[in-house]
Amino acid sequence: MSPPDYYRILHVQPDAPAPIIHASYRTLVQRAFGGTLGSAEIALLDTAYAVLGDPQRRAAYDLERATGAAPAHDEPVGSPGTRSCLFCGALHDLKRVLERDDECGRCLSPLYPAERHRLEYSGQRMLQRVPKQHAIHVWVTWPQDAPVRAEMRNLSLNGMSFTAAVRFEANQIVRIDCTELRALGRIAHIERDAAGAGRFSAGVEFLTLRFRQVRGSFVSAEA
């Protein structure tokens, strides 16, 4: 008997990196509890993540899946990322490999995985850090009446840190928008900001990422 297709269950591709699998699982579970899915469907999501979220169990499953001929995905082989937006959960109808400018048609979140984007930009160099007092907008859910206003501290191709008057939760998935980029990120750490009363400092790991066309301040096209 073929093993169940846990990748299909979690709406991710077989080559999806661990942060994408984690984010997709969290999104699907949140939608499940807020919708009509029964306990059996939620248990299946938990089972799939227990396997794909563990590197050793995932490797064993991939071997079993290859030899057991598990059902194939509908998407093209090698398409990175997930079939649904990691933020709002909307399914995209793209029948091709994701490109770096692809965005969710519902909430405009980027769909292209940040790990792949880092490779895309690996031959480029950062000219300077974005200034400390750089305003960004942060969403924690969709739809949301108004974004949380925050201030960027620093920025790299892997993530950013910022301060805000809101205390975010560790591993929370947030949507970030600013003049340089649009991204989905995972809150990697959160602590009270020593430099500002009533503010918190957050570190974010990018999950998906799309740079805007910005002149001269962050990314250079020269190696």
N, C-alpha and C. Protein backbone atom coordinates (compact mmCIF):
# COMPACT_ATOMS: atom_id res chain seq x y z
N MET A 1 0.85 -1.19 0.00
CA MET A 1 0.00 0.00 0.00
C MET A 1 0.88 1.24 0.00
N SER A 2 0.50 2.23 -0.82
CA SER A 2 1.28 3.46 -0.89
C SER A 2 1.12 4.24 0.41
N PRO A 3 2.20 4.90 0.88
CA PRO A 3 2.08 5.73 2.08
C PRO A 3 1.21 6.94 1.79
N PRO A 4 0.53 7.48 2.79
CA PRO A 4 -0.28 8.69 2.56
C PRO A 4 0.62 9.84 2.11
N ASP A 5 0.07 10.72 1.29
CA ASP A 5 0.85 11.84 0.77
C ASP A 5 0.77 13.00 1.75
N TYR A 6 1.68 13.01 2.71
CA TYR A 6 1.68 14.05 3.73
C TYR A 6 1.99 15.42 3.14
N TYR A 7 2.74 15.46 2.06
CA TYR A 7 3.03 16.74 1.41
C TYR A 7 1.75 17.36 0.86
N ARG A 8 0.92 16.53 0.25
CA ARG A 8 -0.35 17.03 -0.28
C ARG A 8 -1.25 17.49 0.87
N ILE A 9 -1.26 16.73 1.95
CA ILE A 9 -2.11 17.06 3.10
C ILE A 9 -1.74 18.43 3.67
N LEU A 10 -0.44 18.74 3.72
CA LEU A 10 0.02 20.02 4.26
C LEU A 10 0.16 21.11 3.20
N HIS A 11 -0.25 20.80 1.95
CA HIS A 11 -0.23 21.78 0.87
C HIS A 11 1.17 22.30 0.57
N VAL A 12 2.16 21.44 0.63
CA VAL A 12 3.53 21.83 0.32
C VAL A 12 4.11 20.88 -0.72
N GLN A 13 5.19 21.31 -1.33
CA GLN A 13 5.90 20.50 -2.29
C GLN A 13 6.93 19.61 -1.59
N PRO A 14 7.32 18.49 -2.20
CA PRO A 14 8.29 17.59 -1.56
C PRO A 14 9.65 18.23 -1.28
N ASP A 15 10.00 19.31 -1.99
CA ASP A 15 11.28 19.96 -1.74
C ASP A 15 11.13 21.20 -0.86
N ALA A 16 9.97 21.37 -0.23
CA ALA A 16 9.75 22.54 0.62
C ALA A 16 10.67 22.50 1.84
N PRO A 17 11.31 23.62 2.19
CA PRO A 17 12.17 23.67 3.38
C PRO A 17 11.34 23.59 4.65
N ALA A 18 12.00 23.27 5.75
CA ALA A 18 11.32 23.06 7.03
C ALA A 18 10.49 24.26 7.47
N PRO A 19 10.97 25.52 7.36
CA PRO A 19 10.14 26.64 7.80
C PRO A 19 8.84 26.76 7.02
N ILE A 20 8.85 26.41 5.73
CA ILE A 20 7.63 26.46 4.93
C ILE A 20 6.65 25.40 5.41
N ILE A 21 7.14 24.20 5.71
CA ILE A 21 6.27 23.13 6.21
C ILE A 21 5.65 23.55 7.53
N HIS A 22 6.45 24.12 8.42
CA HIS A 22 5.96 24.56 9.72
C HIS A 22 4.89 25.63 9.56
N ALA A 23 5.14 26.62 8.71
CA ALA A 23 4.20 27.72 8.53
C ALA A 23 2.90 27.23 7.90
N SER A 24 2.99 26.34 6.92
CA SER A 24 1.79 25.83 6.28
C SER A 24 0.95 25.02 7.25
N TYR A 25 1.59 24.22 8.08
CA TYR A 25 0.87 23.44 9.10
C TYR A 25 0.12 24.37 10.04
N ARG A 26 0.78 25.41 10.53
CA ARG A 26 0.14 26.34 11.46
C ARG A 26 -1.06 27.04 10.80
N THR A 27 -0.89 27.43 9.53
CA THR A 27 -1.98 28.09 8.82
C THR A 27 -3.18 27.16 8.67
N LEU A 28 -2.92 25.91 8.27
CA LEU A 28 -4.00 24.96 8.05
C LEU A 28 -4.72 24.61 9.35
N VAL A 29 -3.97 24.47 10.43
CA VAL A 29 -4.59 24.16 11.72
C VAL A 29 -5.45 25.33 12.19
N GLN A 30 -4.96 26.55 12.04
CA GLN A 30 -5.74 27.72 12.44
C GLN A 30 -7.02 27.81 11.63
N ARG A 31 -6.95 27.53 10.34
CA ARG A 31 -8.15 27.53 9.51
C ARG A 31 -9.09 26.41 9.92
N ALA A 32 -8.53 25.25 10.28
CA ALA A 32 -9.35 24.10 10.65
C ALA A 32 -10.17 24.38 11.91
N PHE A 33 -9.53 24.97 12.91
CA PHE A 33 -10.24 25.27 14.16
C PHE A 33 -11.29 26.36 13.97
N GLY A 34 -11.06 27.23 12.98
CA GLY A 34 -12.03 28.29 12.74
C GLY A 34 -13.07 27.94 11.71
N GLY A 35 -12.99 26.72 11.15
CA GLY A 35 -13.91 26.30 10.10
C GLY A 35 -14.75 25.11 10.49
N THR A 36 -14.94 24.21 9.54
CA THR A 36 -15.85 23.09 9.74
C THR A 36 -15.15 21.74 9.74
N LEU A 37 -13.83 21.72 9.72
CA LEU A 37 -13.13 20.45 9.72
C LEU A 37 -13.35 19.72 11.04
N GLY A 38 -13.49 18.38 10.95
CA GLY A 38 -13.69 17.57 12.14
C GLY A 38 -12.38 17.17 12.77
N SER A 39 -12.48 16.45 13.87
CA SER A 39 -11.29 16.05 14.61
C SER A 39 -10.41 15.10 13.79
N ALA A 40 -11.02 14.30 12.92
CA ALA A 40 -10.25 13.37 12.10
C ALA A 40 -9.34 14.11 11.13
N GLU A 41 -9.86 15.18 10.52
CA GLU A 41 -9.06 15.95 9.57
C GLU A 41 -7.93 16.68 10.30
N ILE A 42 -8.21 17.23 11.47
CA ILE A 42 -7.18 17.91 12.25
C ILE A 42 -6.11 16.92 12.70
N ALA A 43 -6.54 15.71 13.10
CA ALA A 43 -5.58 14.68 13.50
C ALA A 43 -4.68 14.30 12.33
N LEU A 44 -5.22 14.31 11.11
CA LEU A 44 -4.41 13.99 9.93
C LEU A 44 -3.35 15.06 9.69
N LEU A 45 -3.71 16.33 9.90
CA LEU A 45 -2.72 17.40 9.79
C LEU A 45 -1.62 17.21 10.82
N ASP A 46 -2.01 16.85 12.05
CA ASP A 46 -1.02 16.63 13.11
C ASP A 46 -0.09 15.47 12.76
N THR A 47 -0.66 14.40 12.21
CA THR A 47 0.15 13.23 11.85
C THR A 47 1.14 13.58 10.74
N ALA A 48 0.65 14.33 9.74
CA ALA A 48 1.52 14.71 8.63
C ALA A 48 2.67 15.59 9.12
N TYR A 49 2.37 16.53 10.01
CA TYR A 49 3.43 17.41 10.50
C TYR A 49 4.40 16.68 11.42
N ALA A 50 3.90 15.71 12.18
CA ALA A 50 4.78 14.94 13.05
C ALA A 50 5.85 14.21 12.24
N VAL A 51 5.51 13.83 11.02
CA VAL A 51 6.46 13.15 10.15
C VAL A 51 7.35 14.15 9.41
N LEU A 52 6.74 15.11 8.73
CA LEU A 52 7.51 16.04 7.90
C LEU A 52 8.25 17.07 8.73
N GLY A 53 7.82 17.29 9.96
CA GLY A 53 8.51 18.24 10.82
C GLY A 53 9.71 17.68 11.54
N ASP A 54 9.93 16.37 11.42
CA ASP A 54 11.08 15.71 12.04
C ASP A 54 12.03 15.26 10.94
N PRO A 55 13.26 15.77 10.89
CA PRO A 55 14.17 15.47 9.77
C PRO A 55 14.39 13.98 9.54
N GLN A 56 14.56 13.19 10.61
CA GLN A 56 14.82 11.76 10.44
C GLN A 56 13.58 11.04 9.95
N ARG A 57 12.42 11.37 10.53
CA ARG A 57 11.18 10.72 10.09
C ARG A 57 10.84 11.15 8.66
N ARG A 58 11.15 12.39 8.32
CA ARG A 58 10.88 12.85 6.96
C ARG A 58 11.75 12.11 5.96
N ALA A 59 13.03 11.91 6.29
CA ALA A 59 13.93 11.18 5.38
C ALA A 59 13.44 9.75 5.17
N ALA A 60 13.01 9.10 6.25
CA ALA A 60 12.49 7.73 6.13
C ALA A 60 11.21 7.71 5.32
N TYR A 61 10.36 8.71 5.52
CA TYR A 61 9.11 8.79 4.78
C TYR A 61 9.37 9.02 3.30
N ASP A 62 10.33 9.90 2.98
CA ASP A 62 10.65 10.17 1.58
C ASP A 62 11.11 8.89 0.88
N LEU A 63 11.89 8.09 1.58
CA LEU A 63 12.32 6.82 0.99
C LEU A 63 11.14 5.89 0.77
N GLU A 64 10.27 5.79 1.76
CA GLU A 64 9.08 4.95 1.62
C GLU A 64 8.17 5.46 0.51
N ARG A 65 8.07 6.77 0.44
CA ARG A 65 7.21 7.38 -0.58
C ARG A 65 7.74 7.11 -1.98
N ALA A 66 9.06 7.16 -2.12
CA ALA A 66 9.67 6.92 -3.43
C ALA A 66 9.48 5.48 -3.88
N THR A 67 9.64 4.56 -2.95
CA THR A 67 9.51 3.14 -3.31
C THR A 67 8.06 2.69 -3.35
N GLY A 68 7.18 3.42 -2.62
CA GLY A 68 5.78 3.03 -2.58
C GLY A 68 4.92 3.74 -3.60
N ALA A 69 5.52 4.65 -4.35
CA ALA A 69 4.81 5.36 -5.42
C ALA A 69 3.57 6.06 -4.88
N ALA A 70 3.77 6.94 -3.93
CA ALA A 70 2.67 7.72 -3.39
C ALA A 70 2.07 8.60 -4.48
N PRO A 71 0.80 9.00 -4.33
CA PRO A 71 0.15 9.82 -5.36
C PRO A 71 0.97 11.07 -5.67
N ALA A 72 1.06 11.40 -6.94
CA ALA A 72 1.85 12.55 -7.37
C ALA A 72 1.08 13.85 -7.13
N HIS A 73 1.80 14.93 -7.00
CA HIS A 73 1.19 16.24 -6.86
C HIS A 73 0.64 16.70 -8.20
N ASP A 74 -0.30 17.62 -8.15
CA ASP A 74 -0.84 18.20 -9.37
C ASP A 74 0.11 19.25 -9.93
N GLU A 75 0.93 19.87 -9.07
CA GLU A 75 1.81 20.94 -9.52
C GLU A 75 3.02 20.37 -10.26
N PRO A 76 3.70 21.19 -11.05
CA PRO A 76 4.89 20.73 -11.74
C PRO A 76 5.96 20.28 -10.75
N VAL A 77 6.69 19.23 -11.11
CA VAL A 77 7.76 18.74 -10.25
C VAL A 77 8.80 19.83 -10.09
N GLY A 78 9.23 20.04 -8.85
CA GLY A 78 10.25 21.04 -8.58
C GLY A 78 9.72 22.41 -8.26
N SER A 79 8.38 22.58 -8.27
CA SER A 79 7.87 23.90 -7.92
C SER A 79 8.02 24.11 -6.43
N PRO A 80 8.69 25.20 -6.01
CA PRO A 80 8.99 25.38 -4.60
C PRO A 80 7.79 25.87 -3.83
N GLY A 81 7.82 25.64 -2.52
CA GLY A 81 6.85 26.27 -1.65
C GLY A 81 5.57 25.50 -1.45
N THR A 82 4.45 26.18 -1.46
CA THR A 82 3.18 25.62 -1.04
C THR A 82 2.08 25.99 -2.02
N ARG A 83 1.01 25.21 -2.04
CA ARG A 83 -0.12 25.46 -2.92
C ARG A 83 -1.03 26.55 -2.40
N SER A 84 -0.86 26.93 -1.13
CA SER A 84 -1.71 27.96 -0.55
C SER A 84 -0.86 29.03 0.11
N CYS A 85 -1.44 30.21 0.25
CA CYS A 85 -0.75 31.31 0.91
C CYS A 85 -0.52 30.95 2.38
N LEU A 86 0.70 31.14 2.86
CA LEU A 86 1.02 30.82 4.24
C LEU A 86 0.36 31.77 5.22
N PHE A 87 -0.14 32.90 4.74
CA PHE A 87 -0.71 33.90 5.64
C PHE A 87 -2.23 33.82 5.70
N CYS A 88 -2.90 33.99 4.56
CA CYS A 88 -4.37 33.99 4.57
C CYS A 88 -4.96 32.64 4.24
N GLY A 89 -4.14 31.70 3.73
CA GLY A 89 -4.61 30.35 3.44
C GLY A 89 -5.27 30.19 2.09
N ALA A 90 -5.36 31.25 1.29
CA ALA A 90 -6.00 31.15 -0.02
C ALA A 90 -5.18 30.28 -0.96
N LEU A 91 -5.85 29.40 -1.68
CA LEU A 91 -5.18 28.57 -2.68
C LEU A 91 -4.86 29.41 -3.91
N HIS A 92 -3.69 29.22 -4.47
CA HIS A 92 -3.38 29.88 -5.73
C HIS A 92 -3.59 28.88 -6.87
N ASP A 93 -3.90 29.39 -8.04
CA ASP A 93 -4.22 28.53 -9.18
C ASP A 93 -3.08 28.45 -10.19
N LEU A 94 -1.86 28.74 -9.73
CA LEU A 94 -0.72 28.70 -10.64
C LEU A 94 -0.39 27.25 -10.99
N LYS A 95 -0.28 26.96 -12.25
CA LYS A 95 0.05 25.62 -12.72
C LYS A 95 1.46 25.57 -13.28
N ARG A 96 2.33 26.33 -12.68
CA ARG A 96 3.71 26.40 -13.12
C ARG A 96 4.60 26.57 -11.90
N VAL A 97 5.90 26.52 -12.13
CA VAL A 97 6.86 26.77 -11.05
C VAL A 97 6.71 28.21 -10.59
N LEU A 98 6.70 28.41 -9.27
CA LEU A 98 6.57 29.75 -8.73
C LEU A 98 7.76 30.62 -9.14
N GLU A 99 7.47 31.89 -9.41
CA GLU A 99 8.49 32.86 -9.73
C GLU A 99 8.60 33.87 -8.59
N ARG A 100 9.73 34.59 -8.54
CA ARG A 100 10.03 35.41 -7.37
C ARG A 100 9.07 36.58 -7.19
N ASP A 101 8.33 36.99 -8.22
CA ASP A 101 7.40 38.10 -8.10
C ASP A 101 5.96 37.65 -7.87
N ASP A 102 5.71 36.35 -7.75
CA ASP A 102 4.35 35.86 -7.55
C ASP A 102 3.83 36.24 -6.17
N GLU A 103 2.59 36.70 -6.13
CA GLU A 103 1.96 37.09 -4.88
C GLU A 103 0.58 36.47 -4.76
N CYS A 104 0.09 36.37 -3.54
CA CYS A 104 -1.25 35.87 -3.27
C CYS A 104 -2.26 36.86 -3.85
N GLY A 105 -3.25 36.34 -4.56
CA GLY A 105 -4.25 37.21 -5.15
C GLY A 105 -5.21 37.80 -4.13
N ARG A 106 -5.20 37.26 -2.91
CA ARG A 106 -6.12 37.73 -1.88
C ARG A 106 -5.49 38.78 -0.96
N CYS A 107 -4.33 38.46 -0.38
CA CYS A 107 -3.72 39.36 0.61
C CYS A 107 -2.41 39.98 0.11
N LEU A 108 -1.99 39.63 -1.11
CA LEU A 108 -0.78 40.17 -1.74
C LEU A 108 0.52 39.72 -1.06
N SER A 109 0.45 38.68 -0.24
CA SER A 109 1.68 38.16 0.37
C SER A 109 2.51 37.46 -0.71
N PRO A 110 3.84 37.57 -0.64
CA PRO A 110 4.68 36.86 -1.62
C PRO A 110 4.56 35.36 -1.44
N LEU A 111 4.64 34.62 -2.52
CA LEU A 111 4.53 33.17 -2.50
C LEU A 111 5.88 32.48 -2.60
N TYR A 112 6.88 33.17 -3.09
CA TYR A 112 8.17 32.55 -3.39
C TYR A 112 8.97 32.34 -2.10
N PRO A 113 9.44 31.12 -1.84
CA PRO A 113 10.16 30.85 -0.59
C PRO A 113 11.42 31.69 -0.46
N ALA A 114 11.68 32.17 0.74
CA ALA A 114 12.83 33.04 0.97
C ALA A 114 14.14 32.30 0.77
N GLU A 115 14.21 31.00 1.11
CA GLU A 115 15.46 30.26 0.93
C GLU A 115 15.89 30.27 -0.53
N ARG A 116 14.93 30.07 -1.43
CA ARG A 116 15.26 30.12 -2.85
C ARG A 116 15.65 31.53 -3.26
N HIS A 117 15.00 32.51 -2.64
CA HIS A 117 15.30 33.89 -2.98
C HIS A 117 16.71 34.27 -2.55
N ARG A 118 17.16 33.71 -1.43
CA ARG A 118 18.53 34.00 -1.00
C ARG A 118 19.53 33.51 -2.03
N LEU A 119 19.26 32.32 -2.59
CA LEU A 119 20.15 31.80 -3.62
C LEU A 119 20.12 32.69 -4.84
N GLU A 120 18.93 33.21 -5.15
CA GLU A 120 18.78 34.10 -6.30
C GLU A 120 19.65 35.34 -6.13
N TYR A 121 19.77 35.80 -4.90
CA TYR A 121 20.50 37.03 -4.63
C TYR A 121 21.91 36.77 -4.10
N SER A 122 22.36 35.52 -4.14
CA SER A 122 23.63 35.18 -3.49
C SER A 122 24.83 35.86 -4.15
N GLY A 123 24.70 36.25 -5.42
CA GLY A 123 25.80 36.92 -6.09
C GLY A 123 25.77 38.42 -5.93
N GLN A 124 24.85 38.93 -5.13
CA GLN A 124 24.73 40.36 -4.96
C GLN A 124 25.25 40.76 -3.59
N ARG A 125 25.55 42.02 -3.42
CA ARG A 125 26.10 42.46 -2.15
C ARG A 125 25.22 43.55 -1.54
N MET A 126 25.20 43.61 -0.23
CA MET A 126 24.45 44.62 0.48
C MET A 126 25.32 45.86 0.59
N LEU A 127 24.80 47.02 0.20
CA LEU A 127 25.57 48.24 0.23
C LEU A 127 25.60 48.86 1.62
N GLN A 128 24.47 48.85 2.32
CA GLN A 128 24.41 49.43 3.64
C GLN A 128 23.16 48.93 4.33
N ARG A 129 23.13 49.06 5.65
CA ARG A 129 21.94 48.73 6.39
C ARG A 129 20.89 49.82 6.21
N VAL A 130 19.63 49.36 6.27
CA VAL A 130 18.54 50.33 6.24
C VAL A 130 18.56 51.11 7.55
N PRO A 131 18.33 52.42 7.53
CA PRO A 131 18.37 53.23 8.75
C PRO A 131 17.48 52.68 9.86
N LYS A 132 17.88 52.90 11.11
CA LYS A 132 17.14 52.38 12.25
C LYS A 132 15.69 52.84 12.28
N GLN A 133 15.48 54.12 12.07
CA GLN A 133 14.13 54.68 12.19
C GLN A 133 13.36 54.50 10.88
N HIS A 134 13.31 53.28 10.43
CA HIS A 134 12.65 52.98 9.16
C HIS A 134 11.31 52.33 9.45
N ALA A 135 10.23 52.97 9.03
CA ALA A 135 8.89 52.48 9.34
C ALA A 135 8.53 51.26 8.52
N ILE A 136 7.88 50.30 9.16
CA ILE A 136 7.33 49.12 8.48
C ILE A 136 5.92 48.88 9.00
N HIS A 137 5.15 48.13 8.23
CA HIS A 137 3.81 47.74 8.62
C HIS A 137 3.79 46.22 8.82
N VAL A 138 3.15 45.77 9.89
CA VAL A 138 3.11 44.35 10.22
C VAL A 138 1.65 43.92 10.40
N TRP A 139 1.27 42.86 9.71
CA TRP A 139 -0.05 42.26 9.86
C TRP A 139 0.09 40.94 10.61
N VAL A 140 -0.86 40.64 11.48
CA VAL A 140 -0.84 39.38 12.22
C VAL A 140 -1.97 38.46 11.79
N THR A 141 -2.93 38.98 11.04
CA THR A 141 -4.04 38.18 10.54
C THR A 141 -4.58 38.85 9.29
N TRP A 142 -5.45 38.13 8.59
CA TRP A 142 -6.07 38.70 7.40
C TRP A 142 -7.51 38.27 7.32
N PRO A 143 -8.45 39.20 7.09
CA PRO A 143 -8.19 40.65 6.98
C PRO A 143 -7.92 41.28 8.34
N GLN A 144 -7.34 42.47 8.32
CA GLN A 144 -7.01 43.22 9.54
C GLN A 144 -7.30 44.68 9.26
N ASP A 145 -8.01 45.34 10.18
CA ASP A 145 -8.44 46.71 9.95
C ASP A 145 -7.27 47.63 9.63
N ALA A 146 -6.20 47.52 10.40
CA ALA A 146 -5.03 48.37 10.20
C ALA A 146 -3.79 47.60 10.64
N PRO A 147 -2.67 47.78 9.95
CA PRO A 147 -1.45 47.07 10.34
C PRO A 147 -0.85 47.64 11.61
N VAL A 148 -0.01 46.85 12.26
CA VAL A 148 0.77 47.32 13.40
C VAL A 148 1.93 48.15 12.85
N ARG A 149 2.10 49.34 13.39
CA ARG A 149 3.22 50.18 12.96
C ARG A 149 4.46 49.82 13.79
N ALA A 150 5.56 49.59 13.11
CA ALA A 150 6.79 49.19 13.78
C ALA A 150 7.97 49.91 13.14
N GLU A 151 9.15 49.75 13.76
CA GLU A 151 10.36 50.37 13.24
C GLU A 151 11.43 49.32 13.03
N MET A 152 11.93 49.25 11.81
CA MET A 152 12.98 48.30 11.48
C MET A 152 14.28 48.67 12.19
N ARG A 153 14.99 47.68 12.71
CA ARG A 153 16.29 47.89 13.31
C ARG A 153 17.40 47.54 12.32
N ASN A 154 17.30 46.38 11.70
CA ASN A 154 18.28 45.99 10.69
C ASN A 154 17.67 44.98 9.76
N LEU A 155 18.31 44.74 8.65
CA LEU A 155 17.75 43.92 7.58
C LEU A 155 18.84 43.13 6.88
N SER A 156 18.59 41.86 6.62
CA SER A 156 19.48 41.03 5.82
C SER A 156 18.63 40.19 4.89
N LEU A 157 19.27 39.37 4.07
CA LEU A 157 18.52 38.50 3.18
C LEU A 157 17.85 37.36 3.94
N ASN A 158 18.24 37.13 5.19
CA ASN A 158 17.65 36.05 5.97
C ASN A 158 16.48 36.51 6.83
N GLY A 159 16.44 37.79 7.17
CA GLY A 159 15.38 38.26 8.05
C GLY A 159 15.62 39.69 8.48
N MET A 160 14.94 40.11 9.53
CA MET A 160 15.08 41.47 10.04
C MET A 160 14.74 41.49 11.52
N SER A 161 15.10 42.59 12.16
CA SER A 161 14.64 42.84 13.52
C SER A 161 13.93 44.17 13.53
N PHE A 162 12.94 44.29 14.40
CA PHE A 162 12.18 45.54 14.49
C PHE A 162 11.64 45.70 15.90
N THR A 163 11.19 46.90 16.21
CA THR A 163 10.57 47.18 17.50
C THR A 163 9.13 47.62 17.27
N ALA A 164 8.28 47.31 18.24
CA ALA A 164 6.87 47.68 18.15
C ALA A 164 6.29 47.77 19.54
N ALA A 165 5.14 48.41 19.65
CA ALA A 165 4.46 48.53 20.94
C ALA A 165 3.63 47.28 21.24
N VAL A 166 3.64 46.32 20.34
CA VAL A 166 2.88 45.08 20.49
C VAL A 166 3.84 43.94 20.78
N ARG A 167 3.47 43.07 21.70
CA ARG A 167 4.27 41.89 21.98
C ARG A 167 3.77 40.74 21.11
N PHE A 168 4.57 40.34 20.14
CA PHE A 168 4.23 39.23 19.27
C PHE A 168 4.56 37.91 19.97
N GLU A 169 4.05 36.82 19.43
CA GLU A 169 4.30 35.50 19.99
C GLU A 169 5.39 34.79 19.20
N ALA A 170 6.22 34.03 19.90
CA ALA A 170 7.24 33.23 19.22
C ALA A 170 6.58 32.27 18.24
N ASN A 171 7.17 32.14 17.05
CA ASN A 171 6.69 31.28 15.97
C ASN A 171 5.43 31.81 15.28
N GLN A 172 4.98 33.00 15.66
CA GLN A 172 3.84 33.61 14.99
C GLN A 172 4.22 33.99 13.57
N ILE A 173 3.30 33.77 12.62
CA ILE A 173 3.53 34.13 11.23
C ILE A 173 2.98 35.54 11.00
N VAL A 174 3.82 36.44 10.50
CA VAL A 174 3.41 37.82 10.27
C VAL A 174 3.70 38.22 8.83
N ARG A 175 2.96 39.20 8.37
CA ARG A 175 3.17 39.77 7.04
C ARG A 175 3.80 41.15 7.22
N ILE A 176 4.88 41.41 6.50
CA ILE A 176 5.65 42.65 6.65
C ILE A 176 5.65 43.39 5.31
N ASP A 177 5.42 44.67 5.39
CA ASP A 177 5.41 45.50 4.18
C ASP A 177 6.19 46.78 4.46
N CYS A 178 7.11 47.13 3.56
CA CYS A 178 7.85 48.38 3.66
C CYS A 178 8.32 48.77 2.27
N THR A 179 9.06 49.86 2.19
CA THR A 179 9.47 50.36 0.87
C THR A 179 10.45 49.43 0.17
N GLU A 180 11.20 48.62 0.94
CA GLU A 180 12.21 47.75 0.34
C GLU A 180 11.66 46.40 -0.10
N LEU A 181 10.68 45.90 0.65
CA LEU A 181 10.26 44.52 0.42
C LEU A 181 8.88 44.25 0.96
N ARG A 182 8.36 43.10 0.58
CA ARG A 182 7.16 42.53 1.17
C ARG A 182 7.51 41.09 1.51
N ALA A 183 7.15 40.64 2.71
CA ALA A 183 7.59 39.32 3.16
C ALA A 183 6.62 38.71 4.15
N LEU A 184 6.68 37.38 4.25
CA LEU A 184 6.08 36.67 5.36
C LEU A 184 7.22 36.17 6.22
N GLY A 185 7.07 36.28 7.52
CA GLY A 185 8.15 35.87 8.40
C GLY A 185 7.64 35.16 9.64
N ARG A 186 8.54 34.43 10.26
CA ARG A 186 8.26 33.74 11.52
C ARG A 186 8.97 34.49 12.64
N ILE A 187 8.24 34.83 13.69
CA ILE A 187 8.85 35.50 14.83
C ILE A 187 9.79 34.50 15.52
N ALA A 188 11.09 34.73 15.37
CA ALA A 188 12.08 33.80 15.92
C ALA A 188 12.33 34.07 17.39
N HIS A 189 12.28 35.34 17.80
CA HIS A 189 12.44 35.67 19.22
C HIS A 189 11.78 37.00 19.50
N ILE A 190 11.38 37.21 20.74
CA ILE A 190 10.73 38.44 21.15
C ILE A 190 11.19 38.76 22.57
N GLU A 191 11.50 40.02 22.81
CA GLU A 191 11.92 40.44 24.14
C GLU A 191 11.58 41.91 24.34
N ARG A 192 11.53 42.32 25.58
CA ARG A 192 11.26 43.72 25.87
C ARG A 192 12.45 44.57 25.40
N ASP A 193 12.13 45.67 24.73
CA ASP A 193 13.17 46.53 24.19
C ASP A 193 13.75 47.41 25.30
N ALA A 194 15.04 47.26 25.56
CA ALA A 194 15.67 48.00 26.65
C ALA A 194 15.74 49.49 26.36
N ALA A 195 15.68 49.86 25.08
CA ALA A 195 15.84 51.27 24.72
C ALA A 195 14.53 52.04 24.69
N GLY A 196 13.41 51.35 24.80
CA GLY A 196 12.13 52.05 24.71
C GLY A 196 11.12 51.49 25.68
N ALA A 197 10.55 52.34 26.51
CA ALA A 197 9.55 51.90 27.48
C ALA A 197 8.27 51.47 26.76
N GLY A 198 7.78 50.30 27.15
CA GLY A 198 6.54 49.81 26.58
C GLY A 198 6.68 49.27 25.17
N ARG A 199 7.91 49.06 24.70
CA ARG A 199 8.12 48.51 23.36
C ARG A 199 8.83 47.17 23.44
N PHE A 200 8.70 46.41 22.36
CA PHE A 200 9.28 45.08 22.31
C PHE A 200 10.13 44.95 21.04
N SER A 201 11.18 44.18 21.16
CA SER A 201 12.09 43.91 20.04
C SER A 201 11.83 42.51 19.52
N ALA A 202 11.66 42.38 18.22
CA ALA A 202 11.35 41.08 17.61
C ALA A 202 12.36 40.77 16.52
N GLY A 203 12.75 39.52 16.42
CA GLY A 203 13.58 39.03 15.33
C GLY A 203 12.76 38.13 14.43
N VAL A 204 12.84 38.35 13.14
CA VAL A 204 12.00 37.64 12.18
C VAL A 204 12.86 36.87 11.19
N GLU A 205 12.49 35.61 10.96
CA GLU A 205 13.10 34.80 9.90
C GLU A 205 12.16 34.81 8.71
N PHE A 206 12.66 35.24 7.54
CA PHE A 206 11.81 35.30 6.35
C PHE A 206 11.42 33.89 5.89
N LEU A 207 10.13 33.74 5.56
CA LEU A 207 9.62 32.50 4.97
C LEU A 207 9.41 32.66 3.47
N THR A 208 8.76 33.75 3.10
CA THR A 208 8.65 34.12 1.69
C THR A 208 9.10 35.57 1.57
N LEU A 209 9.55 35.94 0.38
CA LEU A 209 10.20 37.25 0.26
C LEU A 209 10.10 37.76 -1.17
N ARG A 210 9.79 39.06 -1.29
CA ARG A 210 9.79 39.72 -2.59
C ARG A 210 10.35 41.11 -2.41
N PHE A 211 11.49 41.37 -3.04
CA PHE A 211 12.09 42.70 -2.99
C PHE A 211 11.41 43.61 -4.01
N ARG A 212 11.22 44.85 -3.60
CA ARG A 212 10.74 45.86 -4.52
C ARG A 212 11.93 46.43 -5.29
N GLN A 213 11.65 47.17 -6.33
CA GLN A 213 12.70 47.82 -7.09
C GLN A 213 13.11 49.10 -6.38
N VAL A 214 14.18 49.00 -5.60
CA VAL A 214 14.64 50.15 -4.81
C VAL A 214 16.00 50.59 -5.35
N ARG A 215 16.19 51.86 -5.49
CA ARG A 215 17.44 52.38 -6.05
C ARG A 215 18.48 52.64 -4.96
N GLY A 216 19.53 51.86 -4.97
CA GLY A 216 20.74 52.22 -4.27
C GLY A 216 20.80 52.06 -2.78
N SER A 217 19.73 51.66 -2.08
CA SER A 217 19.78 51.68 -0.63
C SER A 217 20.06 50.31 0.00
N PHE A 218 19.74 49.23 -0.72
CA PHE A 218 19.90 47.94 -0.05
C PHE A 218 20.62 46.92 -0.92
N VAL A 219 20.07 46.58 -2.06
CA VAL A 219 20.63 45.52 -2.88
C VAL A 219 21.22 46.09 -4.15
N SER A 220 22.40 45.65 -4.47
CA SER A 220 23.04 46.08 -5.71
C SER A 220 23.05 44.93 -6.69
N ALA A 221 22.93 45.22 -7.95
CA ALA A 221 22.95 44.18 -8.97
C ALA A 221 24.37 43.77 -9.33
N GLU A 222 25.34 44.43 -8.72
CA GLU A 222 26.73 44.11 -9.01
C GLU A 222 27.27 43.11 -8.01
N ALA A 223 28.07 42.18 -8.47
CA ALA A 223 28.64 41.18 -7.58
C ALA A 223 29.72 41.81 -6.71
